[in-house]
Each structure stands twice: as structure tokens, then as C-alpha cells.
C-alpha atoms as a PDB file:
ATOM      1  CA  MET A   1     111.015 122.563 144.925  1.00  0.00           C
ATOM      2  CA  LYS A   2     114.143 122.934 143.424  1.00  0.00           C
ATOM      3  CA  ALA A   3     113.196 120.193 140.666  1.00  0.00           C
ATOM      4  CA  LEU A   4     110.277 122.547 139.852  1.00  0.00           C
ATOM      5  CA  TRP A   5     112.114 125.732 139.722  1.00  0.00           C
ATOM      6  CA  ASP A   6     114.424 123.844 137.411  1.00  0.00           C
ATOM      7  CA  TRP A   7     111.663 122.562 135.103  1.00  0.00           C
ATOM      8  CA  CYS A   8     109.671 125.653 134.845  1.00  0.00           C
ATOM      9  CA  ARG A   9     112.734 127.355 133.953  1.00  0.00           C
ATOM     10  CA  LYS A  10     114.362 124.778 131.339  1.00  0.00           C
ATOM     11  CA  ASN A  11     109.829 124.346 129.912  1.00  0.00           C
ATOM     12  CA  ARG A  12     109.374 128.221 130.359  1.00  0.00           C
ATOM     13  CA  HIS A  13     109.699 128.727 126.310  1.00  0.00           C
ATOM     14  CA  LYS A  14     107.087 125.807 125.576  1.00  0.00           C
ATOM     15  CA  PRO A  15     103.371 127.069 124.559  1.00  0.00           C
ATOM     16  CA  LEU A  16     101.352 127.989 128.037  1.00  0.00           C
ATOM     17  CA  LYS A  17      98.678 124.148 127.485  1.00  0.00           C
ATOM     18  CA  GLU A  18     101.721 122.241 127.020  1.00  0.00           C
ATOM     19  CA  GLN A  19     103.272 123.554 130.295  1.00  0.00           C
ATOM     20  CA  HIS A  20      99.838 123.582 132.184  1.00  0.00           C
ATOM     21  CA  LYS A  21      99.415 120.394 130.768  1.00  0.00           C
ATOM     22  CA  GLU A  22     102.683 118.827 132.328  1.00  0.00           C
ATOM     23  CA  LEU A  23     103.171 121.324 135.502  1.00  0.00           C
ATOM     24  CA  CYS A  24      99.821 119.570 136.244  1.00  0.00           C
ATOM     25  CA  ALA A  25     100.578 115.847 136.052  1.00  0.00           C
ATOM     26  CA  LYS A  26     103.505 116.397 138.141  1.00  0.00           C
ATOM     27  CA  LEU A  27     101.598 118.074 140.997  1.00  0.00           C
ATOM     28  CA  LEU A  28      99.187 115.338 140.868  1.00  0.00           C
ATOM     29  CA  GLY A  29     101.652 112.656 140.758  1.00  0.00           C
ATOM     30  CA  TYR A  30     103.083 114.377 144.046  1.00  0.00           C
ATOM     31  CA  TYR A  31      99.536 114.197 145.698  1.00  0.00           C
ATOM     32  CA  GLN A  32      99.045 111.087 145.001  1.00  0.00           C
ATOM     33  CA  TYR A  33     102.595 110.017 146.509  1.00  0.00           C
ATOM     34  CA  PHE A  34     102.946 112.263 149.071  1.00  0.00           C
ATOM     35  CA  GLY A  35      98.808 112.577 149.740  1.00  0.00           C
ATOM     36  CA  VAL A  36      98.665 111.208 153.842  1.00  0.00           C
ATOM     37  CA  ARG A  37      96.528 112.976 156.149  1.00  0.00           C
ATOM     38  CA  SER A  38      98.604 114.897 158.194  1.00  0.00           C
ATOM     39  CA  ASN A  39     100.770 116.380 155.370  1.00  0.00           C
ATOM     40  CA  TYR A  40      98.029 118.891 153.594  1.00  0.00           C
ATOM     41  CA  ARG A  41      99.769 121.995 154.582  1.00  0.00           C
ATOM     42  CA  ALA A  42     103.279 120.336 153.089  1.00  0.00           C
ATOM     43  CA  LEU A  43     100.889 119.623 150.110  1.00  0.00           C
ATOM     44  CA  GLU A  44      99.314 123.376 149.848  1.00  0.00           C
ATOM     45  CA  THR A  45     103.046 124.749 150.009  1.00  0.00           C
ATOM     46  CA  VAL A  46     104.058 122.525 146.728  1.00  0.00           C
ATOM     47  CA  ARG A  47     100.866 124.257 145.019  1.00  0.00           C
ATOM     48  CA  ASN A  48     101.679 127.785 146.374  1.00  0.00           C
ATOM     49  CA  HIS A  49     105.440 127.383 145.358  1.00  0.00           C
ATOM     50  CA  ALA A  50     104.474 126.408 141.833  1.00  0.00           C
ATOM     51  CA  VAL A  51     102.054 129.700 141.350  1.00  0.00           C
ATOM     52  CA  ARG A  52     104.630 131.769 142.485  1.00  0.00           C
ATOM     53  CA  VAL A  53     107.764 129.471 139.696  1.00  0.00           C
ATOM     54  CA  TRP A  54     105.234 130.105 137.198  1.00  0.00           C
ATOM     55  CA  HIS A  55     104.661 133.449 137.519  1.00  0.00           C
ATOM     56  CA  PHE A  56     108.503 133.986 137.704  1.00  0.00           C
ATOM     57  CA  GLN A  57     109.456 132.257 134.511  1.00  0.00           C
ATOM     58  CA  LEU A  58     106.476 133.072 132.699  1.00  0.00           C
ATOM     59  CA  SER A  59     108.055 136.772 133.638  1.00  0.00           C
ATOM     60  CA  ARG A  60     111.427 135.790 132.447  1.00  0.00           C
ATOM     61  CA  ARG A  61     110.077 135.003 128.282  1.00  0.00           C
ATOM     62  CA  SER A  62     110.402 138.388 126.588  1.00  0.00           C
ATOM     63  CA  HIS A  63     112.981 141.305 127.013  1.00  0.00           C
ATOM     64  CA  LYS A  64     109.916 143.335 127.040  1.00  0.00           C
ATOM     65  CA  GLY A  65     109.330 143.015 131.203  1.00  0.00           C
ATOM     66  CA  GLY A  66     107.254 140.497 133.758  1.00  0.00           C
ATOM     67  CA  ILE A  67     103.760 140.479 132.936  1.00  0.00           C
ATOM     68  CA  SER A  68     101.781 141.518 136.110  1.00  0.00           C
ATOM     69  CA  TRP A  69      99.525 139.682 138.276  1.00  0.00           C
ATOM     70  CA  VAL A  70      96.278 141.171 137.166  1.00  0.00           C
ATOM     71  CA  LYS A  71      97.591 138.936 134.107  1.00  0.00           C
ATOM     72  CA  SER A  72      98.834 135.901 136.417  1.00  0.00           C
ATOM     73  CA  GLU A  73      94.984 136.011 137.833  1.00  0.00           C
ATOM     74  CA  LYS A  74      93.788 135.663 133.968  1.00  0.00           C
ATOM     75  CA  LEU A  75      96.215 132.640 133.947  1.00  0.00           C
ATOM     76  CA  LYS A  76      95.547 131.260 136.746  1.00  0.00           C
ATOM     77  CA  SER A  77      91.539 131.068 135.839  1.00  0.00           C
ATOM     78  CA  ASP A  78      91.959 129.754 132.358  1.00  0.00           C
ATOM     79  CA  PHE A  79      94.760 127.048 133.220  1.00  0.00           C
ATOM     80  CA  PRO A  80      94.302 126.582 136.748  1.00  0.00           C
ATOM     81  CA  LEU A  81      96.566 123.571 139.250  1.00  0.00           C
ATOM     82  CA  PRO A  82      94.899 120.835 140.857  1.00  0.00           C
ATOM     83  CA  LEU A  83      94.402 121.703 144.552  1.00  0.00           C
ATOM     84  CA  PRO A  84      96.424 119.469 146.770  1.00  0.00           C
ATOM     85  CA  GLY A  85      93.677 115.967 148.564  1.00  0.00           C
ATOM     86  CA  ILE A  86      94.765 113.792 151.015  1.00  0.00           C
ATOM     87  CA  ILE A  87      94.504 110.699 149.158  1.00  0.00           C
ATOM     88  CA  HIS A  88      95.444 107.544 151.104  1.00  0.00           C
ATOM     89  CA  ASN A  89      94.015 108.001 155.085  1.00  0.00           C
ATOM     90  CA  ILE A  90      96.587 106.247 156.817  1.00  0.00           C
END
């Protein structure tokens, strides 16, 4: 989760579409590697952390103040992050 925080911080000035594409790829790779049956709660925790971190880092893009949660909800509907899934049925 620390690596996710650092990545969001370093890439917060990229366009939203590019950030979304890379963040989705990172989350899908994480889900595919750790997606075993007993690990679903941890996958949800990582996704929730990614949502919070992305919101926080997007709020830091401007000196005018952070983005509101209303705008953040609109961003989540426009750029949805993938939901975790069980890949390996061990």
C-alpha cells in the first residue's frame, strides 16, 4: 500500500485518463497475483485504500483546495476502479 501511495503522489499531475488506466492495471495485477479464495477481504482493503489515496492525491493537485467528495463520487462513476475478484480457487 505504501508503493501505491508513492505512485499516486508521483503521478498525480498526469491526465486523469492516463492515471486511471495505469491504476486499473496495477490493481488488476494485484488481484491476479493475490486473488485466492481466503484473501478477498484483503483485496477489498487494497481497493478501498486505492480510492482514498487517489482522492487525496488528486486533492493536492491545486492550491485552490481539495476536491469535494461530491466531485470525487462523480470521478468514481466516470473512472471506476476494478472490483476485486477471486482468480485462483485453491
